[in-house]
Amino acid sequence: MKLFEKNIGKTDKMVRVAVGILLLAAAYLFQGDMLVRGLLGLVGVVMLVTAITSSCLLYSLIGMNTAKK
């Protein structure tokens, strides 16, 4: 198990970018609790970083790989 090997495929990457952007927008527009805003923003950033690096730690831990070999 390599922790930083590429394990995210093209479709998975596109979904992560879209969800990350939506979560960051929701965090920016949300008018409620700061904790909720922070969590939305954090998850959005994590989604974008994993898409950019094509590597997901959770996928590595559970042995999942959506990238083509």
N, C-alpha and C. Protein backbone atom coordinates (compact mmCIF):
# COMPACT_ATOMS: atom_id res chain seq x y z
N MET A 1 0.85 -1.19 0.00
CA MET A 1 0.00 0.00 0.00
C MET A 1 0.89 1.25 0.00
N LYS A 2 0.81 1.99 -1.06
CA LYS A 2 1.52 3.26 -1.14
C LYS A 2 0.54 4.37 -0.82
N LEU A 3 0.93 5.27 0.07
CA LEU A 3 0.00 6.30 0.52
C LEU A 3 -0.26 7.38 -0.52
N PHE A 4 0.71 7.70 -1.36
CA PHE A 4 0.52 8.81 -2.29
C PHE A 4 0.56 8.38 -3.75
N GLU A 5 0.16 7.13 -4.03
CA GLU A 5 0.09 6.71 -5.41
C GLU A 5 -1.19 7.26 -6.04
N LYS A 6 -1.18 7.42 -7.34
CA LYS A 6 -2.37 7.94 -8.02
C LYS A 6 -3.44 6.86 -8.01
N ASN A 7 -4.57 7.15 -7.38
CA ASN A 7 -5.64 6.17 -7.29
C ASN A 7 -7.01 6.78 -7.59
N ILE A 8 -7.02 7.93 -8.26
CA ILE A 8 -8.27 8.60 -8.62
C ILE A 8 -8.34 8.74 -10.13
N GLY A 9 -9.40 8.20 -10.71
CA GLY A 9 -9.59 8.25 -12.16
C GLY A 9 -10.19 9.56 -12.62
N LYS A 10 -10.35 9.67 -13.94
CA LYS A 10 -10.80 10.91 -14.57
C LYS A 10 -12.21 11.31 -14.11
N THR A 11 -13.15 10.38 -14.14
CA THR A 11 -14.52 10.69 -13.73
C THR A 11 -14.58 11.05 -12.25
N ASP A 12 -13.88 10.28 -11.44
CA ASP A 12 -13.81 10.55 -10.00
C ASP A 12 -13.24 11.94 -9.75
N LYS A 13 -12.21 12.31 -10.51
CA LYS A 13 -11.57 13.61 -10.37
C LYS A 13 -12.55 14.74 -10.70
N MET A 14 -13.30 14.58 -11.79
CA MET A 14 -14.26 15.62 -12.19
C MET A 14 -15.36 15.80 -11.14
N VAL A 15 -15.82 14.69 -10.57
CA VAL A 15 -16.85 14.76 -9.53
C VAL A 15 -16.30 15.47 -8.30
N ARG A 16 -15.06 15.15 -7.92
CA ARG A 16 -14.44 15.78 -6.76
C ARG A 16 -14.27 17.29 -6.95
N VAL A 17 -13.89 17.71 -8.14
CA VAL A 17 -13.74 19.14 -8.42
C VAL A 17 -15.09 19.84 -8.30
N ALA A 18 -16.12 19.24 -8.90
CA ALA A 18 -17.46 19.85 -8.85
C ALA A 18 -17.98 19.94 -7.42
N VAL A 19 -17.85 18.85 -6.67
CA VAL A 19 -18.33 18.83 -5.28
C VAL A 19 -17.51 19.80 -4.43
N GLY A 20 -16.20 19.84 -4.64
CA GLY A 20 -15.35 20.75 -3.89
C GLY A 20 -15.72 22.20 -4.10
N ILE A 21 -15.97 22.57 -5.36
CA ILE A 21 -16.38 23.94 -5.66
C ILE A 21 -17.73 24.26 -5.04
N LEU A 22 -18.67 23.32 -5.13
CA LEU A 22 -20.00 23.54 -4.53
C LEU A 22 -19.91 23.70 -3.01
N LEU A 23 -19.08 22.90 -2.37
CA LEU A 23 -18.94 22.99 -0.92
C LEU A 23 -18.28 24.31 -0.50
N LEU A 24 -17.28 24.75 -1.26
CA LEU A 24 -16.66 26.04 -0.96
C LEU A 24 -17.65 27.19 -1.15
N ALA A 25 -18.46 27.11 -2.20
CA ALA A 25 -19.49 28.13 -2.43
C ALA A 25 -20.51 28.12 -1.30
N ALA A 26 -20.91 26.93 -0.87
CA ALA A 26 -21.87 26.81 0.23
C ALA A 26 -21.29 27.38 1.51
N ALA A 27 -20.02 27.12 1.77
CA ALA A 27 -19.37 27.66 2.97
C ALA A 27 -19.32 29.18 2.92
N TYR A 28 -19.07 29.73 1.75
CA TYR A 28 -19.00 31.18 1.59
C TYR A 28 -20.38 31.83 1.77
N LEU A 29 -21.41 31.17 1.25
CA LEU A 29 -22.75 31.76 1.26
C LEU A 29 -23.55 31.45 2.53
N PHE A 30 -23.13 30.42 3.29
CA PHE A 30 -23.88 30.01 4.47
C PHE A 30 -23.83 31.09 5.54
N GLN A 31 -24.98 31.42 6.09
CA GLN A 31 -25.08 32.51 7.07
C GLN A 31 -25.17 32.02 8.52
N GLY A 32 -25.10 30.72 8.74
CA GLY A 32 -25.28 30.17 10.08
C GLY A 32 -24.00 30.05 10.87
N ASP A 33 -23.92 28.97 11.62
CA ASP A 33 -22.83 28.67 12.55
C ASP A 33 -21.47 28.64 11.84
N MET A 34 -20.48 29.23 12.46
CA MET A 34 -19.14 29.26 11.89
C MET A 34 -18.51 27.87 11.81
N LEU A 35 -18.88 26.98 12.73
CA LEU A 35 -18.36 25.61 12.69
C LEU A 35 -18.83 24.91 11.42
N VAL A 36 -20.09 25.10 11.06
CA VAL A 36 -20.62 24.49 9.85
C VAL A 36 -19.91 25.06 8.62
N ARG A 37 -19.72 26.37 8.61
CA ARG A 37 -19.01 27.01 7.50
C ARG A 37 -17.59 26.46 7.38
N GLY A 38 -16.93 26.31 8.51
CA GLY A 38 -15.57 25.79 8.51
C GLY A 38 -15.49 24.36 8.01
N LEU A 39 -16.44 23.53 8.44
CA LEU A 39 -16.45 22.13 7.99
C LEU A 39 -16.74 22.03 6.50
N LEU A 40 -17.69 22.82 6.02
CA LEU A 40 -17.99 22.82 4.58
C LEU A 40 -16.75 23.24 3.78
N GLY A 41 -16.09 24.29 4.24
CA GLY A 41 -14.89 24.76 3.56
C GLY A 41 -13.77 23.75 3.60
N LEU A 42 -13.56 23.11 4.74
CA LEU A 42 -12.50 22.12 4.89
C LEU A 42 -12.72 20.93 3.97
N VAL A 43 -13.93 20.41 3.97
CA VAL A 43 -14.23 19.27 3.10
C VAL A 43 -14.10 19.67 1.63
N GLY A 44 -14.52 20.88 1.29
CA GLY A 44 -14.36 21.36 -0.08
C GLY A 44 -12.91 21.44 -0.50
N VAL A 45 -12.06 21.94 0.37
CA VAL A 45 -10.63 22.03 0.08
C VAL A 45 -10.02 20.64 -0.06
N VAL A 46 -10.39 19.72 0.82
CA VAL A 46 -9.86 18.36 0.75
C VAL A 46 -10.26 17.71 -0.58
N MET A 47 -11.50 17.91 -1.00
CA MET A 47 -11.95 17.36 -2.28
C MET A 47 -11.12 17.90 -3.44
N LEU A 48 -10.86 19.20 -3.42
CA LEU A 48 -10.08 19.80 -4.50
C LEU A 48 -8.62 19.32 -4.48
N VAL A 49 -8.03 19.22 -3.30
CA VAL A 49 -6.64 18.78 -3.19
C VAL A 49 -6.50 17.33 -3.66
N THR A 50 -7.43 16.47 -3.28
CA THR A 50 -7.34 15.08 -3.73
C THR A 50 -7.53 14.98 -5.23
N ALA A 51 -8.37 15.84 -5.80
CA ALA A 51 -8.56 15.85 -7.25
C ALA A 51 -7.29 16.32 -7.95
N ILE A 52 -6.66 17.35 -7.44
CA ILE A 52 -5.45 17.90 -8.06
C ILE A 52 -4.29 16.90 -7.98
N THR A 53 -4.16 16.24 -6.85
CA THR A 53 -3.05 15.30 -6.67
C THR A 53 -3.35 13.91 -7.22
N SER A 54 -4.61 13.64 -7.54
CA SER A 54 -5.06 12.32 -8.02
C SER A 54 -4.75 11.23 -7.01
N SER A 55 -4.72 11.59 -5.74
CA SER A 55 -4.40 10.64 -4.69
C SER A 55 -5.32 10.86 -3.50
N CYS A 56 -5.94 9.77 -3.03
CA CYS A 56 -6.85 9.85 -1.89
C CYS A 56 -6.36 8.89 -0.80
N LEU A 57 -6.09 9.43 0.37
CA LEU A 57 -5.60 8.62 1.48
C LEU A 57 -6.62 7.54 1.87
N LEU A 58 -7.89 7.89 1.91
CA LEU A 58 -8.92 6.91 2.27
C LEU A 58 -8.95 5.76 1.26
N TYR A 59 -8.85 6.08 -0.03
CA TYR A 59 -8.80 5.03 -1.05
C TYR A 59 -7.60 4.11 -0.81
N SER A 60 -6.45 4.69 -0.45
CA SER A 60 -5.26 3.89 -0.18
C SER A 60 -5.46 2.96 1.00
N LEU A 61 -6.12 3.47 2.04
CA LEU A 61 -6.32 2.67 3.25
C LEU A 61 -7.27 1.50 3.02
N ILE A 62 -8.27 1.68 2.16
CA ILE A 62 -9.24 0.60 1.92
C ILE A 62 -8.93 -0.20 0.66
N GLY A 63 -7.86 0.18 -0.05
CA GLY A 63 -7.44 -0.57 -1.22
C GLY A 63 -8.25 -0.29 -2.48
N MET A 64 -8.89 0.86 -2.54
CA MET A 64 -9.71 1.22 -3.69
C MET A 64 -8.88 2.00 -4.70
N ASN A 65 -9.17 1.81 -6.00
CA ASN A 65 -8.45 2.52 -7.04
C ASN A 65 -9.37 2.70 -8.23
N THR A 66 -9.66 3.95 -8.60
CA THR A 66 -10.52 4.23 -9.76
C THR A 66 -9.70 4.69 -10.96
N ALA A 67 -8.38 4.77 -10.82
CA ALA A 67 -7.51 5.17 -11.93
C ALA A 67 -7.26 3.96 -12.82
N LYS A 68 -7.16 4.23 -14.11
CA LYS A 68 -6.84 3.15 -15.05
C LYS A 68 -5.38 2.78 -14.90
N LYS A 69 -5.11 1.53 -15.01
CA LYS A 69 -3.72 1.04 -14.89
C LYS A 69 -2.98 1.24 -16.18
